[in-house]
């Protein structure tokens, strides 16, 4: 895929959402901010990455998955353990990189 970019995104545990303080250290918050800024400066809309969520979610989204994004929209998802492609109806359960950053940011803020 032209402009492909393979990246692993750390996903915070759902339990961290209820923390009284940020679950990240100041250095981790700085690294997250820098990574998000680098991502925002990229010159492409087509990329691929691998993701695995740790949450009390349905099993489909807690498996390692290869996510392909074209034009800023998830276009293909393949479960890495089985090689099964996720149906178009279920692709919306997998985030883009931008949506991943957006979901991490609120979890880093103290209540």
C-alpha atoms as a PDB file:
ATOM      1  CA  UNK A   1       0.000   0.000   0.000  1.00  0.00           C
ATOM      2  CA  UNK A   2       1.486   3.368  -0.992  1.00  0.00           C
ATOM      3  CA  UNK A   3       2.358   5.486   2.006  1.00  0.00           C
ATOM      4  CA  UNK A   4       2.096   2.521   4.338  1.00  0.00           C
ATOM      5  CA  UNK A   5       3.231   3.098   7.874  1.00  0.00           C
ATOM      6  CA  UNK A   6       3.362   0.239  10.315  1.00  0.00           C
ATOM      7  CA  UNK A   7       3.141   1.197  13.936  1.00  0.00           C
ATOM      8  CA  UNK A   8       2.096  -0.450  17.162  1.00  0.00           C
ATOM      9  CA  UNK A   9      -0.108   1.689  19.355  1.00  0.00           C
ATOM     10  CA  UNK A  10      -0.219   1.210  23.065  1.00  0.00           C
ATOM     11  CA  UNK A  11      -3.787   1.135  24.324  1.00  0.00           C
ATOM     12  CA  UNK A  12      -4.492   1.938  27.950  1.00  0.00           C
ATOM     13  CA  UNK A  13      -6.503  -0.404  30.133  1.00  0.00           C
ATOM     14  CA  UNK A  14     -10.120   0.529  30.560  1.00  0.00           C
ATOM     15  CA  UNK A  15      -9.582   0.594  34.314  1.00  0.00           C
ATOM     16  CA  UNK A  16      -7.240   3.553  33.933  1.00  0.00           C
ATOM     17  CA  UNK A  17     -10.210   5.674  32.885  1.00  0.00           C
ATOM     18  CA  UNK A  18     -11.398   5.728  36.481  1.00  0.00           C
ATOM     19  CA  UNK A  19      -8.048   6.715  37.993  1.00  0.00           C
ATOM     20  CA  UNK A  20      -7.797   9.854  40.134  1.00  0.00           C
ATOM     21  CA  UNK A  21      -4.461  10.765  38.565  1.00  0.00           C
ATOM     22  CA  UNK A  22      -3.016  10.330  35.138  1.00  0.00           C
ATOM     23  CA  UNK A  23      -1.910   6.705  34.706  1.00  0.00           C
ATOM     24  CA  UNK A  24       1.120   8.007  32.807  1.00  0.00           C
ATOM     25  CA  UNK A  25       4.279   9.516  34.217  1.00  0.00           C
ATOM     26  CA  UNK A  26       5.304  13.020  33.123  1.00  0.00           C
ATOM     27  CA  UNK A  27       7.857  11.479  30.729  1.00  0.00           C
ATOM     28  CA  UNK A  28       5.203   9.176  29.252  1.00  0.00           C
ATOM     29  CA  UNK A  29       2.817  12.114  28.833  1.00  0.00           C
ATOM     30  CA  UNK A  30       5.567  14.041  27.036  1.00  0.00           C
ATOM     31  CA  UNK A  31       6.337  11.055  24.787  1.00  0.00           C
ATOM     32  CA  UNK A  32       2.634  10.633  24.009  1.00  0.00           C
ATOM     33  CA  UNK A  33       2.303  14.327  23.108  1.00  0.00           C
ATOM     34  CA  UNK A  34       5.374  14.144  20.872  1.00  0.00           C
ATOM     35  CA  UNK A  35       4.111  10.997  19.143  1.00  0.00           C
ATOM     36  CA  UNK A  36       0.711  12.579  18.552  1.00  0.00           C
ATOM     37  CA  UNK A  37       2.343  15.728  17.120  1.00  0.00           C
ATOM     38  CA  UNK A  38       4.570  13.648  14.791  1.00  0.00           C
ATOM     39  CA  UNK A  39       1.518  11.716  13.639  1.00  0.00           C
ATOM     40  CA  UNK A  40      -0.406  14.940  12.950  1.00  0.00           C
ATOM     41  CA  UNK A  41       2.462  16.190  10.732  1.00  0.00           C
ATOM     42  CA  UNK A  42       2.515  13.111   8.483  1.00  0.00           C
ATOM     43  CA  UNK A  43       1.939  13.622   4.760  1.00  0.00           C
ATOM     44  CA  UNK A  44      -0.156  10.541   4.001  1.00  0.00           C
ATOM     45  CA  UNK A  45      -3.676   9.275   4.649  1.00  0.00           C
ATOM     46  CA  UNK A  46      -3.050   5.609   3.781  1.00  0.00           C
ATOM     47  CA  UNK A  47      -1.330   3.480   6.412  1.00  0.00           C
ATOM     48  CA  UNK A  48      -1.466   0.194   8.315  1.00  0.00           C
ATOM     49  CA  UNK A  49      -0.823  -0.679  11.953  1.00  0.00           C
ATOM     50  CA  UNK A  50      -1.381  -3.442  14.474  1.00  0.00           C
ATOM     51  CA  UNK A  51      -3.517  -3.003  17.548  1.00  0.00           C
ATOM     52  CA  UNK A  52      -4.798  -4.986  20.486  1.00  0.00           C
ATOM     53  CA  UNK A  53      -7.108  -3.573  23.105  1.00  0.00           C
ATOM     54  CA  UNK A  54      -7.173  -4.566  26.725  1.00  0.00           C
ATOM     55  CA  UNK A  55     -10.686  -3.962  27.936  1.00  0.00           C
ATOM     56  CA  UNK A  56     -13.921  -5.619  28.945  1.00  0.00           C
ATOM     57  CA  UNK A  57     -14.987  -5.611  25.300  1.00  0.00           C
ATOM     58  CA  UNK A  58     -16.255  -8.222  22.932  1.00  0.00           C
ATOM     59  CA  UNK A  59     -13.573 -10.778  21.958  1.00  0.00           C
ATOM     60  CA  UNK A  60     -13.422  -9.519  18.371  1.00  0.00           C
ATOM     61  CA  UNK A  61     -11.725  -6.269  19.384  1.00  0.00           C
ATOM     62  CA  UNK A  62      -9.397  -7.692  22.041  1.00  0.00           C
ATOM     63  CA  UNK A  63      -7.386  -9.771  19.561  1.00  0.00           C
ATOM     64  CA  UNK A  64      -4.248  -8.575  17.763  1.00  0.00           C
ATOM     65  CA  UNK A  65      -5.410  -7.121  14.471  1.00  0.00           C
ATOM     66  CA  UNK A  66      -3.769  -5.633  11.390  1.00  0.00           C
ATOM     67  CA  UNK A  67      -5.737  -2.489  10.486  1.00  0.00           C
ATOM     68  CA  UNK A  68      -5.440  -0.845   7.067  1.00  0.00           C
ATOM     69  CA  UNK A  69      -6.591   2.721   6.583  1.00  0.00           C
ATOM     70  CA  UNK A  70      -7.150   4.412   3.216  1.00  0.00           C
ATOM     71  CA  UNK A  71      -8.072   8.047   2.953  1.00  0.00           C
ATOM     72  CA  UNK A  72      -8.472   8.236   6.721  1.00  0.00           C
ATOM     73  CA  UNK A  73     -11.058   5.422   6.846  1.00  0.00           C
ATOM     74  CA  UNK A  74     -10.546   1.840   8.049  1.00  0.00           C
ATOM     75  CA  UNK A  75     -10.656  -0.209   4.853  1.00  0.00           C
ATOM     76  CA  UNK A  76      -9.520  -3.659   5.982  1.00  0.00           C
ATOM     77  CA  UNK A  77      -8.931  -5.520   9.247  1.00  0.00           C
ATOM     78  CA  UNK A  78      -7.293  -8.939   9.550  1.00  0.00           C
ATOM     79  CA  UNK A  79      -7.117 -10.840  12.842  1.00  0.00           C
ATOM     80  CA  UNK A  80      -3.478 -11.863  13.217  1.00  0.00           C
ATOM     81  CA  UNK A  81      -3.970 -15.129  15.089  1.00  0.00           C
ATOM     82  CA  UNK A  82      -6.357 -16.645  12.550  1.00  0.00           C
ATOM     83  CA  UNK A  83      -5.785 -14.606   9.385  1.00  0.00           C
ATOM     84  CA  UNK A  84      -9.542 -14.031   9.180  1.00  0.00           C
ATOM     85  CA  UNK A  85     -10.623 -10.762   7.587  1.00  0.00           C
ATOM     86  CA  UNK A  86     -13.185  -8.826   9.616  1.00  0.00           C
ATOM     87  CA  UNK A  87     -16.424  -8.174   7.734  1.00  0.00           C
ATOM     88  CA  UNK A  88     -17.138  -4.654   6.456  1.00  0.00           C
ATOM     89  CA  UNK A  89     -19.997  -4.388   8.976  1.00  0.00           C
ATOM     90  CA  UNK A  90     -17.585  -4.979  11.882  1.00  0.00           C
ATOM     91  CA  UNK A  91     -14.676  -2.804  10.695  1.00  0.00           C
ATOM     92  CA  UNK A  92     -16.120   0.208  12.494  1.00  0.00           C
ATOM     93  CA  UNK A  93     -15.198  -1.425  15.801  1.00  0.00           C
ATOM     94  CA  UNK A  94     -11.525  -0.840  14.969  1.00  0.00           C
ATOM     95  CA  UNK A  95     -10.100   2.676  15.271  1.00  0.00           C
ATOM     96  CA  UNK A  96      -7.862   4.712  13.016  1.00  0.00           C
ATOM     97  CA  UNK A  97      -4.613   6.025  14.487  1.00  0.00           C
ATOM     98  CA  UNK A  98      -6.275   9.399  14.993  1.00  0.00           C
ATOM     99  CA  UNK A  99      -9.166   7.822  16.895  1.00  0.00           C
ATOM    100  CA  UNK A 100      -6.679   5.858  19.001  1.00  0.00           C
ATOM    101  CA  UNK A 101      -4.872   9.052  20.024  1.00  0.00           C
ATOM    102  CA  UNK A 102      -8.234  10.698  20.723  1.00  0.00           C
ATOM    103  CA  UNK A 103      -9.252   7.825  23.018  1.00  0.00           C
ATOM    104  CA  UNK A 104      -5.951   7.810  24.908  1.00  0.00           C
ATOM    105  CA  UNK A 105      -5.869  11.554  25.610  1.00  0.00           C
ATOM    106  CA  UNK A 106      -8.899  11.713  28.004  1.00  0.00           C
ATOM    107  CA  UNK A 107      -7.574   8.726  29.950  1.00  0.00           C
ATOM    108  CA  UNK A 108      -4.377  10.658  30.723  1.00  0.00           C
ATOM    109  CA  UNK A 109      -6.182  13.565  32.378  1.00  0.00           C
ATOM    110  CA  UNK A 110      -6.820  13.547  36.118  1.00  0.00           C
ATOM    111  CA  UNK A 111     -10.462  13.616  37.190  1.00  0.00           C
END
